[in-house]
Amino acid sequence: MAEFSIDRFVDRYAARTSGMSASEVRALFAVASRPEVISFAGGMPFVDGVPREEVATVAAEVLREHGATALQYGAGQGQLALRERLTMLMATEGLGADPDDVVVTTGAQQALDLLGKIFIDPGDTIAVEAPTYVGALGAFGAYQPRYLHVEVDQDGMLVEHLEEALFRGERPKFVYTVPNFGNPSGVTMTLDRRQRLVALCREIGIPIVEDNPYGLLRFDGDPLPCLKTLDPDNVIYLGTVSKTFSPGVRVGWALGEPSVAQRLMLAKEAADLCGSNLTMLMTERWFADDARWRGVLAGLVDTYRARRIAMAEAIAEHFPADAACTDPHGGFYLWVTLPPWFDTKAMLAAAVERRVAYVPGTAFYADGRGANQMRLAFCLPTEDRIREGIARLGALLADEEHLYRSIHG
């Protein structure tokens, strides 16, 4: 996009655009895509683990059998065959669903924007984890909310902190959470906290938005019930095939009770009329072959597990001894908290000079905190590149600590 020194329409833009800013993740993509840079920045799935020849076969079958439909406009709610298939996918996580309550979206990211559109008025409070998904902050931020940050630890959201806020009189429009292998923290909410969260929100009458892109990417341990399973009426569930199949098909979905689904469908039709019939039909066909998608998913999980191990081992070897990092049992991310004198945003330019990239922690809070934290994505680089990249970061951290101690004693 061209850059202009003069903004011709500065007095014409809506007030809500003043709160919009470029995602720190997106800003890193151009740098991180350079082959000499080892990028831990973007949560890019390992798409080389998805056999292209099989995807090509699926595309050819769809065009041969459903060509006129695949190339035409579709319904705002999404292809019925796909919605039925998505209910089967959710059932693998123990979640029962009616296809009539599913709205197919352009990735789960669009679902976040649509939820902002139908729920948030300017000044409304919404509760989010601290840290929380940067894309959610971007999607919700356009609707000018006030954020109530709820801390997380290794066991997920500290529900007692939310309870304390509600006792003080806070009444968020909804609570947003990524309970499985959260982005950016990598942590998973325990069963006890899940039960406590749904009971609390149901009692007060606050809906929960459960974002579950990583639920099927479990490396170890037993699956936990979705929040939607624990409370079907008060939880709005978001899913995506970006992590289990392909982000390129841009297929996500929202599952809500009928009045929510109806409003989401109307909001989607106003935004883009309908999704892509072609990619929806391809996605339905891909998941129709149970052995195929499960086999590919198992291979992806094995890859991500090995890369998570490589990153954790390298951090233990190269990072400061007083650095703390989460221990994810699935997903894409590991979250690092450094001693308080580190400033990961200020360090980023020096890191890129050393040909390694990450996302500073400040990207994942709406209130500017997180300066001594960073998100590291282990999903895309090979194990060897992970070890080399962490060694580069470790050397930078050692230099920064030496400089700090030389100044402060």
Protein backbone atom coordinates (compact mmCIF):
# COMPACT_ATOMS: atom_id res chain seq x y z
CA MET A 1 0.00 0.00 0.00
CA ALA A 2 1.36 3.41 -0.97
CA GLU A 3 2.25 5.82 1.80
CA PHE A 4 1.16 9.46 1.60
CA SER A 5 2.51 12.34 3.64
CA ILE A 6 -0.88 14.08 3.57
CA ASP A 7 -4.07 12.39 4.73
CA ARG A 8 -6.75 14.03 2.56
CA PHE A 9 -9.68 12.64 4.48
CA VAL A 10 -8.46 13.06 8.04
CA ASP A 11 -11.58 15.02 9.02
CA ARG A 12 -13.91 12.53 7.31
CA TYR A 13 -13.01 9.25 8.97
CA ALA A 14 -15.28 7.72 11.60
CA ALA A 15 -14.14 8.28 15.18
CA ARG A 16 -13.70 4.54 15.69
CA THR A 17 -10.82 4.45 13.20
CA SER A 18 -8.67 6.39 15.64
CA GLY A 19 -8.38 3.23 17.70
CA MET A 20 -7.28 1.11 14.74
CA SER A 21 -3.60 0.32 14.38
CA ALA A 22 -1.54 -2.12 12.37
CA SER A 23 -1.09 -5.49 14.03
CA GLU A 24 2.45 -5.97 15.28
CA VAL A 25 2.25 -9.48 13.86
CA ARG A 26 1.31 -8.25 10.39
CA ALA A 27 4.01 -5.60 10.50
CA LEU A 28 6.56 -8.36 11.04
CA PHE A 29 5.45 -10.55 8.14
CA ALA A 30 7.48 -8.68 5.50
CA VAL A 31 10.65 -9.00 7.54
CA ALA A 32 9.94 -12.52 8.71
CA SER A 33 9.37 -13.78 5.18
CA ARG A 34 12.99 -13.10 4.26
CA PRO A 35 14.69 -16.51 4.04
CA GLU A 36 17.67 -15.46 6.16
CA VAL A 37 15.39 -14.53 9.07
CA ILE A 38 14.32 -17.29 11.46
CA SER A 39 10.81 -16.22 12.35
CA PHE A 40 9.04 -17.13 15.56
CA ALA A 41 6.60 -14.29 14.88
CA GLY A 42 3.61 -15.46 12.87
CA GLY A 43 1.49 -18.48 13.76
CA MET A 44 1.90 -19.96 10.29
CA PRO A 45 0.72 -23.58 10.03
CA PHE A 46 3.07 -26.16 8.54
CA VAL A 47 1.17 -26.42 5.26
CA ASP A 48 3.88 -28.61 3.74
CA GLY A 49 2.46 -31.30 5.98
CA VAL A 50 -0.76 -31.22 3.92
CA PRO A 51 -0.27 -33.27 0.72
CA ARG A 52 -0.87 -30.93 -2.21
CA GLU A 53 -1.70 -33.72 -4.64
CA GLU A 54 -4.61 -34.76 -2.45
CA VAL A 55 -5.82 -31.17 -2.18
CA ALA A 56 -5.61 -30.92 -5.98
CA THR A 57 -7.67 -34.10 -6.29
CA VAL A 58 -10.31 -32.68 -3.93
CA ALA A 59 -10.47 -29.43 -5.92
CA ALA A 60 -10.84 -31.32 -9.19
CA GLU A 61 -13.61 -33.52 -7.78
CA VAL A 62 -15.51 -30.50 -6.50
CA LEU A 63 -15.29 -28.68 -9.82
CA ARG A 64 -16.22 -31.79 -11.78
CA GLU A 65 -19.20 -32.70 -9.60
CA HIS A 66 -20.38 -29.29 -8.39
CA GLY A 67 -18.83 -26.83 -10.83
CA ALA A 68 -21.84 -24.56 -11.32
CA THR A 69 -22.49 -24.33 -7.57
CA ALA A 70 -18.81 -23.98 -6.66
CA LEU A 71 -18.37 -20.96 -8.96
CA GLN A 72 -21.63 -19.23 -8.00
CA TYR A 73 -22.79 -17.03 -5.14
CA GLY A 74 -23.98 -18.93 -2.09
CA ALA A 75 -26.06 -18.54 1.05
CA GLY A 76 -24.89 -16.22 3.80
CA GLN A 77 -24.99 -18.98 6.40
CA GLY A 78 -22.71 -21.23 4.38
CA GLN A 79 -23.11 -24.48 2.48
CA LEU A 80 -25.39 -26.90 4.34
CA ALA A 81 -23.13 -29.86 3.50
CA LEU A 82 -20.20 -28.07 5.09
CA ARG A 83 -22.18 -27.07 8.17
CA GLU A 84 -23.18 -30.70 8.64
CA ARG A 85 -19.54 -31.74 8.23
CA LEU A 86 -18.42 -29.15 10.78
CA THR A 87 -20.84 -30.57 13.35
CA MET A 88 -19.10 -33.93 12.85
CA LEU A 89 -15.73 -32.22 13.35
CA MET A 90 -16.93 -30.62 16.57
CA ALA A 91 -18.24 -34.00 17.72
CA THR A 92 -14.64 -35.28 17.76
CA GLU A 93 -14.15 -32.90 20.71
CA GLY A 94 -17.36 -34.03 22.38
CA LEU A 95 -19.38 -31.02 21.25
CA GLY A 96 -22.87 -31.64 19.94
CA ALA A 97 -24.24 -29.11 17.47
CA ASP A 98 -27.14 -28.46 15.12
CA PRO A 99 -26.08 -27.38 11.59
CA ASP A 100 -28.84 -24.75 11.70
CA ASP A 101 -26.97 -22.99 14.52
CA VAL A 102 -23.68 -22.85 12.58
CA VAL A 103 -22.65 -19.80 10.54
CA VAL A 104 -19.67 -20.30 8.24
CA THR A 105 -17.29 -17.33 8.26
CA THR A 106 -14.17 -16.24 6.41
CA GLY A 107 -11.89 -17.77 8.97
CA ALA A 108 -12.63 -17.46 12.68
CA GLN A 109 -11.18 -13.95 12.41
CA GLN A 110 -14.29 -12.76 10.61
CA ALA A 111 -16.42 -14.33 13.33
CA LEU A 112 -14.63 -12.14 15.89
CA ASP A 113 -15.41 -9.04 13.86
CA LEU A 114 -19.06 -10.06 13.45
CA LEU A 115 -19.40 -10.67 17.18
CA GLY A 116 -18.01 -7.21 17.82
CA LYS A 117 -20.53 -5.80 15.40
CA ILE A 118 -23.55 -7.44 17.00
CA PHE A 119 -22.54 -7.09 20.67
CA ILE A 120 -20.33 -4.05 21.26
CA ASP A 121 -21.49 -0.45 21.53
CA PRO A 122 -18.84 2.26 22.08
CA GLY A 123 -17.72 2.24 25.68
CA ASP A 124 -18.99 -1.26 26.46
CA THR A 125 -16.73 -3.41 28.61
CA ILE A 126 -15.58 -6.80 27.36
CA ALA A 127 -13.48 -9.20 29.41
CA VAL A 128 -10.39 -10.73 27.79
CA GLU A 129 -7.52 -12.80 29.04
CA ALA A 130 -4.25 -11.07 29.84
CA PRO A 131 -2.47 -11.72 27.54
CA THR A 132 -5.01 -12.30 24.79
CA TYR A 133 -5.06 -12.92 21.03
CA VAL A 134 -3.89 -9.81 19.18
CA GLY A 135 -6.38 -10.45 16.36
CA ALA A 136 -9.25 -10.33 18.84
CA LEU A 137 -8.05 -6.97 20.14
CA GLY A 138 -7.94 -5.73 16.56
CA ALA A 139 -11.38 -7.06 15.67
CA PHE A 140 -13.10 -5.84 18.82
CA GLY A 141 -11.17 -2.57 18.93
CA ALA A 142 -12.97 -1.20 15.88
CA TYR A 143 -16.15 -1.11 17.96
CA GLN A 144 -14.53 1.00 20.72
CA PRO A 145 -14.89 -1.21 23.79
CA ARG A 146 -13.24 -0.87 27.18
CA TYR A 147 -11.20 -3.93 28.09
CA LEU A 148 -11.29 -5.76 31.39
CA HIS A 149 -8.08 -7.79 31.52
CA VAL A 150 -8.24 -11.08 33.44
CA GLU A 151 -4.85 -12.58 34.27
CA VAL A 152 -3.82 -16.11 33.26
CA ASP A 153 -1.33 -18.53 34.74
CA GLN A 154 -0.18 -22.01 33.70
CA ASP A 155 -3.73 -23.29 34.38
CA GLY A 156 -5.48 -20.70 32.23
CA MET A 157 -7.72 -17.81 33.17
CA LEU A 158 -7.74 -16.88 36.84
CA VAL A 159 -11.51 -17.04 37.16
CA GLU A 160 -11.40 -15.69 40.71
CA HIS A 161 -10.04 -12.42 39.29
CA LEU A 162 -13.05 -12.16 37.00
CA GLU A 163 -15.30 -12.96 39.95
CA GLU A 164 -13.69 -10.16 41.95
CA ALA A 165 -14.25 -7.71 39.09
CA LEU A 166 -17.91 -8.70 38.85
CA PHE A 167 -18.23 -8.22 42.61
CA ARG A 168 -16.85 -4.68 42.15
CA GLY A 169 -19.66 -4.02 39.69
CA GLU A 170 -18.07 -4.74 36.30
CA ARG A 171 -20.57 -6.11 33.79
CA PRO A 172 -18.82 -7.02 30.53
CA LYS A 173 -20.91 -7.64 27.43
CA PHE A 174 -19.10 -10.95 27.06
CA VAL A 175 -16.00 -12.86 28.18
CA TYR A 176 -13.55 -13.85 25.45
CA THR A 177 -11.23 -16.80 26.02
CA VAL A 178 -8.97 -19.21 24.13
CA PRO A 179 -9.11 -22.08 26.64
CA ASN A 180 -7.08 -24.67 24.71
CA PHE A 181 -3.37 -23.95 24.14
CA GLY A 182 -4.12 -20.25 24.16
CA ASN A 183 -2.76 -17.67 21.77
CA PRO A 184 -0.35 -16.23 22.88
CA SER A 185 0.20 -17.97 26.21
CA GLY A 186 0.04 -21.61 25.10
CA VAL A 187 -1.70 -22.53 28.37
CA THR A 188 -4.86 -24.59 28.80
CA MET A 189 -7.69 -23.84 31.21
CA THR A 190 -8.19 -26.62 33.74
CA LEU A 191 -11.49 -28.45 34.09
CA ASP A 192 -12.13 -26.89 37.48
CA ARG A 193 -11.71 -23.38 36.08
CA ARG A 194 -13.87 -24.19 33.05
CA GLN A 195 -16.67 -25.31 35.30
CA ARG A 196 -16.26 -22.29 37.54
CA LEU A 197 -16.22 -19.88 34.58
CA VAL A 198 -19.38 -21.21 32.94
CA ALA A 199 -21.23 -21.33 36.27
CA LEU A 200 -20.21 -17.76 37.11
CA CYS A 201 -21.13 -16.31 33.72
CA ARG A 202 -24.41 -18.19 33.58
CA GLU A 203 -25.38 -16.91 37.03
CA ILE A 204 -24.63 -13.29 36.12
CA GLY A 205 -26.01 -13.58 32.58
CA ILE A 206 -22.79 -12.83 30.67
CA PRO A 207 -22.15 -14.80 27.48
CA ILE A 208 -18.80 -16.47 26.85
CA VAL A 209 -17.03 -16.42 23.48
CA GLU A 210 -14.95 -19.61 23.27
CA ASP A 211 -12.30 -19.41 20.52
CA ASN A 212 -10.94 -22.91 19.84
CA PRO A 213 -8.57 -22.96 16.86
CA TYR A 214 -6.04 -25.34 18.45
CA GLY A 215 -8.18 -27.87 20.28
CA LEU A 216 -7.29 -30.79 18.00
CA LEU A 217 -3.56 -30.04 18.16
CA ARG A 218 -2.95 -31.78 21.50
CA PHE A 219 0.52 -33.23 22.07
CA ASP A 220 -0.07 -34.96 25.37
CA GLY A 221 -2.61 -35.29 28.17
CA ASP A 222 -6.33 -35.95 27.99
CA PRO A 223 -8.79 -33.67 26.15
CA LEU A 224 -10.96 -31.40 28.26
CA PRO A 225 -14.61 -30.59 27.52
CA CYS A 226 -15.33 -27.46 25.52
CA LEU A 227 -16.97 -24.64 27.43
CA LYS A 228 -19.82 -24.94 24.93
CA THR A 229 -20.32 -28.55 26.06
CA LEU A 230 -20.49 -27.45 29.69
CA ASP A 231 -23.03 -24.73 28.92
CA PRO A 232 -24.61 -25.04 25.46
CA ASP A 233 -26.91 -22.02 25.86
CA ASN A 234 -24.55 -19.35 27.21
CA VAL A 235 -21.40 -20.06 25.18
CA ILE A 236 -20.71 -18.95 21.60
CA TYR A 237 -18.15 -21.26 20.03
CA LEU A 238 -15.69 -20.33 17.27
CA GLY A 239 -13.79 -22.84 15.16
CA THR A 240 -11.58 -22.91 12.11
CA VAL A 241 -9.95 -25.38 9.72
CA SER A 242 -6.89 -23.14 9.34
CA LYS A 243 -4.85 -25.25 11.77
CA THR A 244 -6.20 -28.70 10.88
CA PHE A 245 -6.35 -28.29 7.09
CA SER A 246 -5.42 -24.98 5.46
CA PRO A 247 -5.60 -21.28 6.31
CA GLY A 248 -5.76 -20.61 2.57
CA VAL A 249 -9.34 -21.88 2.24
CA ARG A 250 -10.44 -19.24 4.79
CA VAL A 251 -13.11 -21.39 6.43
CA GLY A 252 -14.12 -20.76 10.02
CA TRP A 253 -17.42 -20.87 11.82
CA ALA A 254 -19.44 -19.68 14.77
CA LEU A 255 -21.87 -21.84 16.74
CA GLY A 256 -24.45 -20.05 18.83
CA GLU A 257 -28.00 -20.39 19.98
CA PRO A 258 -30.52 -19.51 17.22
CA SER A 259 -30.90 -15.79 17.96
CA VAL A 260 -27.11 -15.31 17.91
CA ALA A 261 -26.73 -17.36 14.73
CA GLN A 262 -29.43 -15.26 13.02
CA ARG A 263 -27.72 -11.98 13.91
CA LEU A 264 -24.34 -13.30 12.85
CA MET A 265 -25.77 -14.37 9.50
CA LEU A 266 -27.29 -10.93 8.91
CA ALA A 267 -24.01 -9.26 9.86
CA LYS A 268 -22.06 -11.54 7.54
CA GLU A 269 -24.39 -10.90 4.62
CA ALA A 270 -23.88 -7.16 5.16
CA ALA A 271 -20.09 -7.63 5.24
CA ASP A 272 -19.40 -9.93 2.28
CA LEU A 273 -22.77 -11.37 1.16
CA CYS A 274 -21.48 -14.94 1.33
CA GLY A 275 -18.37 -17.04 1.62
CA SER A 276 -16.63 -18.92 -1.19
CA ASN A 277 -18.67 -21.90 -2.34
CA LEU A 278 -15.54 -23.33 -3.93
CA THR A 279 -13.46 -23.45 -0.76
CA MET A 280 -16.44 -24.45 1.37
CA LEU A 281 -17.12 -27.44 -0.88
CA MET A 282 -13.41 -28.32 -0.94
CA THR A 283 -13.30 -28.21 2.83
CA GLU A 284 -16.38 -30.41 3.13
CA ARG A 285 -14.85 -32.94 0.72
CA TRP A 286 -11.51 -32.92 2.55
CA PHE A 287 -13.10 -33.79 5.89
CA ALA A 288 -15.48 -36.31 4.32
CA ASP A 289 -12.57 -38.76 4.16
CA ASP A 290 -12.07 -39.56 7.84
CA ALA A 291 -8.86 -41.54 7.38
CA ARG A 292 -7.31 -38.78 5.25
CA TRP A 293 -7.85 -35.79 7.50
CA ARG A 294 -7.08 -37.70 10.67
CA GLY A 295 -3.88 -39.06 9.16
CA VAL A 296 -2.72 -35.62 8.05
CA LEU A 297 -3.65 -34.14 11.43
CA ALA A 298 -1.67 -36.84 13.27
CA GLY A 299 1.38 -35.99 11.16
CA LEU A 300 0.99 -32.28 11.91
CA VAL A 301 0.67 -32.95 15.64
CA ASP A 302 3.85 -35.05 15.59
CA THR A 303 5.68 -32.24 13.81
CA TYR A 304 4.49 -29.55 16.19
CA ARG A 305 5.30 -31.69 19.23
CA ALA A 306 8.89 -32.20 18.07
CA ARG A 307 9.27 -28.49 17.40
CA ARG A 308 7.84 -27.55 20.78
CA ILE A 309 10.38 -29.86 22.45
CA ALA A 310 13.23 -28.38 20.41
CA MET A 311 12.24 -24.85 21.39
CA ALA A 312 11.83 -25.63 25.09
CA GLU A 313 15.22 -27.37 25.21
CA ALA A 314 16.93 -24.50 23.39
CA ILE A 315 15.38 -21.91 25.72
CA ALA A 316 16.60 -23.86 28.75
CA GLU A 317 20.09 -23.82 27.27
CA HIS A 318 20.35 -20.26 25.91
CA PHE A 319 17.93 -17.96 27.79
CA PRO A 320 18.62 -16.33 31.16
CA ALA A 321 18.09 -18.67 34.09
CA ASP A 322 15.45 -16.35 35.52
CA ALA A 323 13.37 -16.34 32.32
CA ALA A 324 10.02 -18.10 32.78
CA CYS A 325 8.18 -19.81 29.95
CA THR A 326 4.93 -21.68 29.66
CA ASP A 327 4.73 -25.41 29.00
CA PRO A 328 2.17 -25.85 26.23
CA HIS A 329 0.64 -29.29 25.71
CA GLY A 330 -0.55 -28.40 22.22
CA GLY A 331 -1.01 -25.57 19.76
CA PHE A 332 1.59 -23.23 18.27
CA TYR A 333 3.01 -20.94 20.96
CA LEU A 334 5.31 -20.62 23.91
CA TRP A 335 5.14 -17.49 26.09
CA VAL A 336 8.28 -16.12 27.72
CA THR A 337 8.47 -13.70 30.64
CA LEU A 338 11.87 -12.10 31.15
CA PRO A 339 13.20 -10.10 34.11
CA PRO A 340 11.52 -6.68 34.31
CA TRP A 341 14.41 -4.65 32.86
CA PHE A 342 14.02 -6.24 29.42
CA ASP A 343 12.02 -4.37 26.76
CA THR A 344 11.17 -6.83 23.99
CA LYS A 345 9.64 -4.17 21.76
CA ALA A 346 12.76 -2.04 21.94
CA MET A 347 14.93 -5.12 21.35
CA LEU A 348 13.09 -6.24 18.22
CA ALA A 349 15.15 -4.23 15.73
CA ALA A 350 18.35 -5.69 17.17
CA ALA A 351 16.83 -9.17 16.96
CA VAL A 352 15.98 -8.71 13.28
CA GLU A 353 19.54 -7.52 12.66
CA ARG A 354 20.59 -10.89 14.07
CA ARG A 355 18.13 -12.52 11.67
CA VAL A 356 15.56 -13.71 14.17
CA ALA A 357 12.02 -12.40 14.85
CA TYR A 358 9.36 -12.73 17.54
CA VAL A 359 6.29 -10.79 18.68
CA PRO A 360 6.73 -8.44 21.65
CA GLY A 361 4.40 -9.02 24.56
CA THR A 362 2.87 -5.56 24.32
CA ALA A 363 0.92 -6.69 21.23
CA PHE A 364 -1.27 -8.92 23.39
CA TYR A 365 -2.54 -6.37 25.89
CA ALA A 366 -4.79 -3.36 25.33
CA ASP A 367 -3.19 -1.39 28.16
CA GLY A 368 0.47 -1.36 27.11
CA ARG A 369 1.84 -3.90 29.55
CA GLY A 370 3.94 -6.92 28.54
CA ALA A 371 7.19 -5.09 27.73
CA ASN A 372 9.27 -7.89 29.26
CA GLN A 373 7.38 -10.69 27.50
CA MET A 374 7.43 -12.28 24.07
CA ARG A 375 5.48 -14.83 22.06
CA LEU A 376 7.49 -17.48 20.24
CA ALA A 377 5.77 -19.59 17.57
CA PHE A 378 7.30 -23.03 17.04
CA CYS A 379 4.88 -24.16 14.31
CA LEU A 380 6.75 -23.27 11.10
CA PRO A 381 10.57 -23.38 11.53
CA THR A 382 12.33 -26.74 11.43
CA GLU A 383 13.89 -28.06 14.62
CA ASP A 384 17.39 -27.07 13.48
CA ARG A 385 16.26 -23.54 12.68
CA ILE A 386 14.44 -23.33 16.00
CA ARG A 387 17.64 -24.22 17.85
CA GLU A 388 19.66 -21.70 15.83
CA GLY A 389 17.05 -18.95 16.23
CA ILE A 390 16.79 -19.44 19.99
CA ALA A 391 20.59 -19.37 20.24
CA ARG A 392 20.59 -16.02 18.41
CA LEU A 393 17.91 -14.66 20.75
CA GLY A 394 19.77 -15.98 23.76
CA ALA A 395 22.95 -14.17 22.69
CA LEU A 396 20.96 -10.95 22.29
CA LEU A 397 19.41 -11.34 25.73
CA ALA A 398 22.84 -11.93 27.25
CA ASP A 399 24.15 -8.74 25.61
CA GLU A 400 21.12 -6.77 26.84
CA GLU A 401 21.57 -8.07 30.38
CA HIS A 402 25.29 -7.26 30.34
CA LEU A 403 24.50 -3.71 29.19
CA TYR A 404 21.86 -3.29 31.87
CA ARG A 405 24.17 -4.49 34.65
CA SER A 406 27.04 -2.32 33.41
CA ILE A 407 24.78 0.71 33.78
CA HIS A 408 22.90 -0.19 36.95
CA GLY A 409 25.54 -2.22 38.72
